[in-house]
Amino acid sequence: MIYREIGKTGRRASVIGLGCEHIDFKPYEQIKETIDAALSYGVNILDVFMPGKTIREHIAKALGGRRKDVMIQGHIGATDVSQQYDISRDMPNVQKYFEEMLKIFGGYIDFGMMFYIDSEEDYKNIFDTPFVTYVEKLKRDGDILHVGFSSHNPVMALRAIETGVPEMFMFSVNPAFDMLPPDTYVFDHFETDLGVGMFRGVDPDRARLYKICEQKQIGITCMKTLGAGKLLDKQYCPFAEPLTIAQCVEYALSRPAVAAVLPGCKTAAEVDGVMKYLDCDASERDYSHVLSGTRNDFRGNCLYCSHCQPCSAGIDVAAVMRDLDVARLNESDIPASVRAHYRSLSKNGGDCTGCKICESRCPFGVAIAENMKAANVLF
């Protein structure tokens, strides 16, 4: 397993975790087999948004003495009034469901996730009410170790981050969603074509969100990495050909600030299928040819796919481009962490010979040599 820092939380996550939604309502034996399989690969982060007491207890039972070995994302505001998933801002209900979760999982939750900030109303009902006060108290009391939130909307996610309250968040990340306009409700496209008619290149709000998170060291964990499985299906995938699991995982993990993907697996076999990513070589993970074969306008934009490699001078081009993109957000105030990362590279923009072999390989027409010079000047 590979592990990454979750922003500046000081915690390290397995790059592949487990979203537990799809083991809800399954027999305990199946839940335990799925969790055992995940942990056998070194998974150390689970997302538990489901509010039902039974599924929470089954997950806790399956973990047993291994609770200390995993980090749990527990969602504040997820309830099941009338035995249905619901988003609640009613404080008595919010407290009831979350404090029940605290007891079940050993008295603490690693990442207390403010549940579902997708609209102006969601934002106001959290940050303009006692909801956020409750969350901050949970953090002060040690009931949650870090504050996070979940969102599918890049504009609202950025507003939440700008409050200074969250340290990390869970976001829907895949190449299809990244090309939808920010005001698009992503679930509207699950039953159709994932919005193929709307695609016109990576949405600038999403690209900016990733870069600002890298700048501010706000870690991202990913949901919807496979687009509910539709990106793997020729009938529904909006690209010229369906992607593979490895390509979807690689795409998400190559976004700035992303620490981990948390695919929803309901069986041990599905866990095994996702974990094949760890044994794939670069060519099997490469998603660039799929994206470059569509009508979307990616030209000039680095997608960090590393299709340009190997560099004749030994530069990790994608790493330099990520640092450069973040630095360009505010060239007069480049975060120390970004400068440090750039300077830690064994080769950087100053080592570019200008041979432009990389540019002949780039599917998206990025002016790589010019950007290497810019990085050398900026850093």
Protein backbone atom coordinates (compact mmCIF):
# COMPACT_ATOMS: atom_id res chain seq x y z
CA MET A 1 0.00 0.00 0.00
CA ILE A 2 1.04 3.60 -0.59
CA TYR A 3 0.30 6.26 2.02
CA ARG A 4 -0.12 10.02 1.68
CA GLU A 5 -0.41 12.97 4.02
CA ILE A 6 -3.96 14.30 4.44
CA GLY A 7 -3.14 17.97 4.06
CA LYS A 8 -1.63 19.41 7.21
CA THR A 9 -3.55 17.15 9.61
CA GLY A 10 -0.45 15.10 10.33
CA ARG A 11 -2.34 11.92 9.42
CA ARG A 12 -1.37 9.58 6.60
CA ALA A 13 -4.00 7.72 4.60
CA SER A 14 -3.76 4.68 2.39
CA VAL A 15 -4.25 6.00 -1.14
CA ILE A 16 -7.12 3.52 -1.48
CA GLY A 17 -9.57 3.42 1.38
CA LEU A 18 -13.05 1.98 1.72
CA GLY A 19 -16.39 3.71 1.33
CA CYS A 20 -18.79 1.64 3.42
CA GLU A 21 -22.11 2.74 1.90
CA HIS A 22 -22.57 -0.40 -0.19
CA ILE A 23 -22.20 -2.81 2.72
CA ASP A 24 -25.20 -1.21 4.41
CA PHE A 25 -28.10 -3.67 4.77
CA LYS A 26 -25.75 -6.59 4.01
CA PRO A 27 -25.30 -9.61 6.31
CA TYR A 28 -22.68 -9.22 9.01
CA GLU A 29 -20.55 -12.00 7.50
CA GLN A 30 -20.32 -10.08 4.21
CA ILE A 31 -19.49 -6.85 5.99
CA LYS A 32 -16.69 -8.52 7.94
CA GLU A 33 -15.25 -10.23 4.84
CA THR A 34 -15.20 -6.93 2.97
CA ILE A 35 -13.54 -5.02 5.82
CA ASP A 36 -11.07 -7.86 6.45
CA ALA A 37 -10.11 -7.82 2.77
CA ALA A 38 -9.58 -4.05 2.80
CA LEU A 39 -7.45 -4.10 5.92
CA SER A 40 -5.38 -7.01 4.60
CA TYR A 41 -4.16 -4.65 1.85
CA GLY A 42 -3.20 -1.97 4.36
CA VAL A 43 -6.32 0.19 4.08
CA ASN A 44 -6.45 2.55 7.05
CA ILE A 45 -9.31 4.94 6.23
CA LEU A 46 -13.04 4.19 6.11
CA ASP A 47 -15.95 6.45 5.26
CA VAL A 48 -19.02 5.77 7.39
CA PHE A 49 -21.73 8.23 6.45
CA MET A 50 -24.60 5.79 6.96
CA PRO A 51 -26.71 6.79 9.97
CA GLY A 52 -28.24 3.39 10.77
CA LYS A 53 -27.24 1.97 14.14
CA THR A 54 -27.03 -1.60 12.82
CA ILE A 55 -24.48 -0.92 10.09
CA ARG A 56 -22.36 1.17 12.44
CA GLU A 57 -22.36 -1.60 15.04
CA HIS A 58 -21.53 -4.23 12.43
CA ILE A 59 -18.56 -2.20 11.17
CA ALA A 60 -17.32 -1.67 14.73
CA LYS A 61 -17.72 -5.37 15.47
CA ALA A 62 -15.84 -6.32 12.28
CA LEU A 63 -12.99 -4.00 13.23
CA GLY A 64 -12.81 -5.31 16.79
CA GLY A 65 -9.41 -4.54 18.28
CA ARG A 66 -8.28 -3.02 14.99
CA ARG A 67 -10.27 0.20 15.53
CA LYS A 68 -7.04 1.95 16.51
CA ASP A 69 -5.48 0.95 13.18
CA VAL A 70 -8.00 2.80 11.04
CA MET A 71 -9.22 6.36 10.63
CA ILE A 72 -12.96 6.85 10.33
CA GLN A 73 -14.74 9.63 8.52
CA GLY A 74 -17.97 10.02 10.48
CA HIS A 75 -20.61 12.42 9.16
CA ILE A 76 -22.29 15.01 11.36
CA GLY A 77 -25.84 15.65 10.19
CA ALA A 78 -26.51 12.27 8.58
CA THR A 79 -29.67 10.79 10.09
CA ASP A 80 -32.24 8.14 9.22
CA VAL A 81 -35.48 9.62 10.46
CA SER A 82 -38.30 7.42 9.14
CA GLN A 83 -35.62 4.81 8.31
CA GLN A 84 -34.39 6.82 5.33
CA TYR A 85 -31.10 8.62 4.75
CA ASP A 86 -31.65 12.26 5.56
CA ILE A 87 -29.64 15.45 5.87
CA SER A 88 -30.51 17.06 9.18
CA ARG A 89 -29.56 20.41 10.67
CA ASP A 90 -31.94 19.97 13.59
CA MET A 91 -29.50 20.02 16.47
CA PRO A 92 -31.19 17.49 18.79
CA ASN A 93 -31.24 14.96 15.92
CA VAL A 94 -27.73 15.87 14.79
CA GLN A 95 -26.36 15.36 18.30
CA LYS A 96 -28.30 12.16 18.90
CA TYR A 97 -26.99 10.41 15.79
CA PHE A 98 -23.42 11.61 16.06
CA GLU A 99 -23.01 10.93 19.75
CA GLU A 100 -24.38 7.45 19.17
CA MET A 101 -21.64 7.01 16.57
CA LEU A 102 -19.01 8.19 19.06
CA LYS A 103 -20.03 5.48 21.53
CA ILE A 104 -20.04 2.77 18.88
CA PHE A 105 -16.57 3.62 17.57
CA GLY A 106 -14.67 3.86 20.83
CA GLY A 107 -15.41 7.41 21.95
CA TYR A 108 -13.83 9.32 19.09
CA ILE A 109 -14.09 9.87 15.35
CA ASP A 110 -10.95 10.76 13.42
CA PHE A 111 -12.59 13.05 10.86
CA GLY A 112 -15.86 14.68 11.85
CA MET A 113 -17.45 15.46 8.49
CA MET A 114 -20.05 18.21 8.24
CA PHE A 115 -22.46 16.36 6.02
CA TYR A 116 -23.34 17.54 2.52
CA ILE A 117 -22.50 21.19 1.78
CA ASP A 118 -23.77 21.51 -1.78
CA SER A 119 -25.90 24.64 -1.81
CA GLU A 120 -26.22 28.11 -0.35
CA GLU A 121 -28.87 26.76 1.99
CA ASP A 122 -26.57 23.93 3.13
CA TYR A 123 -23.80 26.45 3.78
CA LYS A 124 -25.99 28.82 5.80
CA ASN A 125 -27.58 26.01 7.79
CA ILE A 126 -24.12 24.99 8.97
CA PHE A 127 -22.01 28.12 9.24
CA ASP A 128 -24.75 30.58 10.29
CA THR A 129 -26.26 28.35 12.98
CA PRO A 130 -25.25 26.48 16.17
CA PHE A 131 -24.28 23.54 13.93
CA VAL A 132 -20.73 24.82 13.43
CA THR A 133 -20.48 25.72 17.13
CA TYR A 134 -21.30 22.11 17.98
CA VAL A 135 -18.67 20.83 15.54
CA GLU A 136 -16.00 23.10 16.98
CA LYS A 137 -16.88 21.93 20.50
CA LEU A 138 -16.53 18.30 19.40
CA LYS A 139 -13.03 19.15 18.20
CA ARG A 140 -12.08 20.99 21.41
CA ASP A 141 -13.33 18.09 23.52
CA GLY A 142 -11.39 15.51 21.50
CA ASP A 143 -14.52 13.74 20.32
CA ILE A 144 -13.38 14.39 16.75
CA LEU A 145 -9.70 14.74 15.96
CA HIS A 146 -10.10 16.77 12.78
CA VAL A 147 -12.92 18.76 11.17
CA GLY A 148 -13.95 17.92 7.63
CA PHE A 149 -16.99 18.11 5.38
CA SER A 150 -18.44 16.48 2.29
CA SER A 151 -19.48 18.22 -0.93
CA HIS A 152 -20.13 17.74 -4.63
CA ASN A 153 -20.05 21.45 -5.52
CA PRO A 154 -16.68 23.17 -6.04
CA VAL A 155 -17.99 26.68 -5.38
CA MET A 156 -19.61 25.73 -2.07
CA ALA A 157 -16.62 23.59 -1.11
CA LEU A 158 -14.33 26.58 -1.54
CA ARG A 159 -16.63 28.77 0.55
CA ALA A 160 -16.55 26.19 3.34
CA ILE A 161 -12.76 26.05 3.19
CA GLU A 162 -12.49 29.83 3.35
CA THR A 163 -14.20 29.83 6.77
CA GLY A 164 -11.01 28.31 8.16
CA VAL A 165 -12.96 25.64 10.04
CA PRO A 166 -12.31 22.48 7.96
CA GLU A 167 -8.92 20.78 7.77
CA MET A 168 -9.92 18.39 5.00
CA PHE A 169 -12.97 17.33 3.01
CA MET A 170 -14.49 14.60 0.89
CA PHE A 171 -15.26 15.53 -2.71
CA SER A 172 -16.62 13.77 -5.79
CA VAL A 173 -13.65 13.39 -8.12
CA ASN A 174 -13.56 11.75 -11.53
CA PRO A 175 -12.78 12.99 -15.05
CA ALA A 176 -16.47 13.27 -15.98
CA PHE A 177 -17.52 15.34 -12.97
CA ASP A 178 -14.45 17.54 -13.36
CA MET A 179 -15.82 18.75 -16.68
CA LEU A 180 -19.33 19.61 -15.52
CA PRO A 181 -20.22 23.25 -14.73
CA PRO A 182 -20.12 23.97 -10.98
CA ASP A 183 -23.86 24.63 -10.73
CA THR A 184 -24.66 21.21 -12.17
CA TYR A 185 -26.20 18.71 -9.77
CA VAL A 186 -24.01 15.70 -10.50
CA PHE A 187 -26.64 13.16 -9.48
CA ASP A 188 -28.92 14.36 -12.30
CA HIS A 189 -26.61 12.53 -14.69
CA PHE A 190 -26.33 9.16 -12.94
CA GLU A 191 -29.34 7.80 -14.79
CA THR A 192 -28.26 9.06 -18.20
CA ASP A 193 -24.92 9.82 -19.80
CA LEU A 194 -23.01 11.63 -17.03
CA GLY A 195 -23.62 14.89 -18.88
CA VAL A 196 -21.69 14.20 -22.09
CA GLY A 197 -23.35 17.08 -23.94
CA MET A 198 -22.10 19.58 -21.36
CA PHE A 199 -18.41 18.70 -21.44
CA ARG A 200 -16.07 21.45 -22.60
CA GLY A 201 -12.83 20.70 -20.81
CA VAL A 202 -11.98 20.77 -17.10
CA ASP A 203 -14.25 23.17 -15.23
CA PRO A 204 -12.12 26.11 -14.02
CA ASP A 205 -13.85 26.18 -10.62
CA ARG A 206 -12.87 22.58 -9.96
CA ALA A 207 -9.31 23.13 -11.19
CA ARG A 208 -9.02 26.19 -8.96
CA LEU A 209 -10.43 24.31 -5.97
CA TYR A 210 -7.78 21.61 -6.23
CA LYS A 211 -4.99 24.16 -6.53
CA ILE A 212 -6.20 26.23 -3.57
CA CYS A 213 -6.46 23.08 -1.46
CA GLU A 214 -2.86 22.26 -2.32
CA GLN A 215 -1.89 25.82 -1.50
CA LYS A 216 -3.65 25.80 1.87
CA GLN A 217 -2.77 22.15 2.61
CA ILE A 218 -6.40 21.09 2.85
CA GLY A 219 -6.48 17.35 2.20
CA ILE A 220 -9.05 15.77 -0.09
CA THR A 221 -10.49 12.27 0.07
CA CYS A 222 -12.46 11.17 -2.97
CA MET A 223 -15.90 9.70 -3.48
CA LYS A 224 -17.56 8.78 -6.80
CA THR A 225 -14.15 7.90 -8.26
CA LEU A 226 -15.73 5.39 -10.65
CA GLY A 227 -18.80 7.55 -11.35
CA ALA A 228 -21.04 4.93 -9.71
CA GLY A 229 -19.49 2.40 -12.10
CA LYS A 230 -20.68 4.23 -15.21
CA LEU A 231 -17.20 5.31 -16.25
CA LEU A 232 -16.39 1.61 -16.63
CA ASP A 233 -19.41 0.94 -18.83
CA LYS A 234 -19.26 1.61 -22.58
CA GLN A 235 -23.00 2.29 -22.64
CA TYR A 236 -22.81 5.16 -20.16
CA CYS A 237 -19.22 6.45 -20.23
CA PRO A 238 -19.10 9.90 -21.84
CA PHE A 239 -15.68 9.31 -23.38
CA ALA A 240 -14.73 7.58 -26.59
CA GLU A 241 -14.03 4.42 -24.62
CA PRO A 242 -14.75 3.38 -21.04
CA LEU A 243 -12.08 3.83 -18.42
CA THR A 244 -10.68 1.08 -16.26
CA ILE A 245 -10.68 1.08 -12.46
CA ALA A 246 -6.93 1.74 -12.49
CA GLN A 247 -7.36 4.76 -14.79
CA CYS A 248 -10.12 6.23 -12.63
CA VAL A 249 -8.08 5.77 -9.46
CA GLU A 250 -4.98 7.25 -11.09
CA TYR A 251 -6.92 10.26 -12.35
CA ALA A 252 -8.24 11.08 -8.88
CA LEU A 253 -4.90 10.51 -7.18
CA SER A 254 -3.17 12.82 -9.66
CA ARG A 255 -5.34 15.82 -8.68
CA PRO A 256 -3.60 18.34 -6.41
CA ALA A 257 -4.26 17.89 -2.67
CA VAL A 258 -5.87 14.44 -3.07
CA ALA A 259 -4.78 11.99 -0.39
CA ALA A 260 -7.02 8.98 -1.01
CA VAL A 261 -9.88 7.50 -3.00
CA LEU A 262 -12.61 5.67 -1.08
CA PRO A 263 -14.47 3.45 -3.55
CA GLY A 264 -17.65 1.80 -2.35
CA CYS A 265 -17.01 -1.95 -2.32
CA LYS A 266 -19.66 -4.37 -1.13
CA THR A 267 -17.68 -7.62 -1.32
CA ALA A 268 -14.14 -8.85 -0.76
CA ALA A 269 -13.95 -9.58 -4.50
CA GLU A 270 -14.70 -5.95 -5.30
CA VAL A 271 -11.96 -4.88 -2.89
CA ASP A 272 -9.57 -7.22 -4.72
CA GLY A 273 -10.59 -5.67 -8.03
CA VAL A 274 -9.81 -2.13 -6.91
CA MET A 275 -6.54 -3.13 -5.27
CA LYS A 276 -5.21 -4.40 -8.59
CA TYR A 277 -4.35 -0.74 -9.14
CA LEU A 278 -1.39 -1.20 -6.81
CA ASP A 279 0.18 -3.76 -9.16
CA CYS A 280 -0.55 -1.90 -12.42
CA ASP A 281 2.32 -0.34 -14.32
CA ALA A 282 2.27 3.23 -15.62
CA SER A 283 0.83 2.25 -18.99
CA GLU A 284 -2.14 0.51 -17.34
CA ARG A 285 -2.83 3.54 -15.15
CA ASP A 286 -2.50 6.05 -18.00
CA TYR A 287 -5.83 7.78 -18.69
CA SER A 288 -4.58 10.44 -21.10
CA HIS A 289 -5.43 8.64 -24.33
CA VAL A 290 -9.04 8.20 -23.22
CA LEU A 291 -9.52 11.87 -22.38
CA SER A 292 -7.62 13.14 -25.42
CA GLY A 293 -9.91 11.10 -27.66
CA THR A 294 -12.99 13.17 -26.81
CA ARG A 295 -14.30 16.48 -28.05
CA ASN A 296 -13.43 18.19 -24.79
CA ASP A 297 -11.07 21.13 -24.87
CA PHE A 298 -8.07 20.21 -22.72
CA ARG A 299 -5.47 21.87 -24.92
CA GLY A 300 -2.81 23.74 -23.02
CA ASN A 301 -3.90 22.39 -19.64
CA CYS A 302 -1.69 19.95 -17.75
CA LEU A 303 -3.71 17.06 -16.32
CA TYR A 304 -0.67 15.64 -14.45
CA CYS A 305 -1.01 12.39 -16.36
CA SER A 306 2.80 11.96 -16.84
CA HIS A 307 2.29 10.86 -20.42
CA CYS A 308 5.19 13.20 -21.24
CA GLN A 309 7.66 11.00 -19.34
CA PRO A 310 10.44 10.04 -19.38
CA CYS A 311 12.18 13.41 -19.40
CA SER A 312 15.65 13.36 -20.97
CA ALA A 313 16.89 15.44 -18.03
CA GLY A 314 15.15 13.32 -15.39
CA ILE A 315 12.55 15.93 -14.38
CA ASP A 316 9.26 14.80 -12.86
CA VAL A 317 7.28 17.11 -15.13
CA ALA A 318 3.89 16.52 -13.50
CA ALA A 319 5.30 17.36 -10.05
CA VAL A 320 6.83 20.61 -11.32
CA MET A 321 3.60 21.54 -13.12
CA ARG A 322 1.50 20.94 -10.00
CA ASP A 323 3.77 23.18 -7.92
CA LEU A 324 3.75 25.82 -10.65
CA ASP A 325 -0.03 25.79 -11.00
CA VAL A 326 -0.45 26.28 -7.24
CA ALA A 327 2.20 29.02 -7.12
CA ARG A 328 0.49 30.93 -9.92
CA LEU A 329 -2.60 31.37 -7.76
CA ASN A 330 -0.66 34.05 -5.88
CA GLU A 331 2.89 34.53 -7.11
CA SER A 332 3.62 37.12 -4.43
CA ASP A 333 2.79 34.71 -1.61
CA ILE A 334 3.79 31.18 -2.56
CA PRO A 335 3.16 28.77 0.35
CA ALA A 336 6.32 27.59 2.07
CA SER A 337 5.18 23.98 1.67
CA VAL A 338 4.98 24.37 -2.11
CA ARG A 339 8.42 26.00 -2.28
CA ALA A 340 9.82 23.23 -0.10
CA HIS A 341 8.29 20.53 -2.30
CA TYR A 342 9.69 22.10 -5.45
CA ARG A 343 13.15 22.43 -3.95
CA SER A 344 13.04 18.83 -2.72
CA LEU A 345 12.76 17.52 -6.28
CA SER A 346 15.97 15.92 -7.47
CA LYS A 347 15.48 17.71 -10.80
CA ASN A 348 13.34 20.77 -11.41
CA GLY A 349 12.51 23.39 -14.02
CA GLY A 350 16.06 24.71 -13.99
CA ASP A 351 17.31 21.38 -15.34
CA CYS A 352 15.17 21.57 -18.49
CA THR A 353 17.31 21.45 -21.65
CA GLY A 354 14.50 22.65 -23.88
CA CYS A 355 14.61 19.53 -26.04
CA LYS A 356 10.78 19.43 -26.10
CA ILE A 357 10.65 15.65 -26.46
CA CYS A 358 8.07 15.78 -23.70
CA GLU A 359 5.89 18.11 -25.74
CA SER A 360 5.79 15.65 -28.61
CA ARG A 361 4.27 13.10 -26.20
CA CYS A 362 1.80 15.42 -24.42
CA PRO A 363 -1.76 14.61 -25.51
CA PHE A 364 -2.94 18.08 -24.50
CA GLY A 365 -0.45 20.39 -26.20
CA VAL A 366 1.04 21.85 -23.02
CA ALA A 367 4.00 24.20 -23.56
CA ILE A 368 6.12 22.20 -21.13
CA ALA A 369 9.53 23.73 -21.84
CA GLU A 370 8.11 27.23 -21.41
CA ASN A 371 6.51 26.21 -18.14
CA MET A 372 9.76 24.70 -16.88
CA LYS A 373 11.46 28.05 -17.46
CA ALA A 374 8.63 29.81 -15.67
CA ALA A 375 8.97 27.49 -12.67
CA ASN A 376 12.70 28.08 -12.53
CA VAL A 377 12.12 31.85 -12.41
CA LEU A 378 9.21 31.71 -9.97
CA PHE A 379 10.84 29.38 -7.45
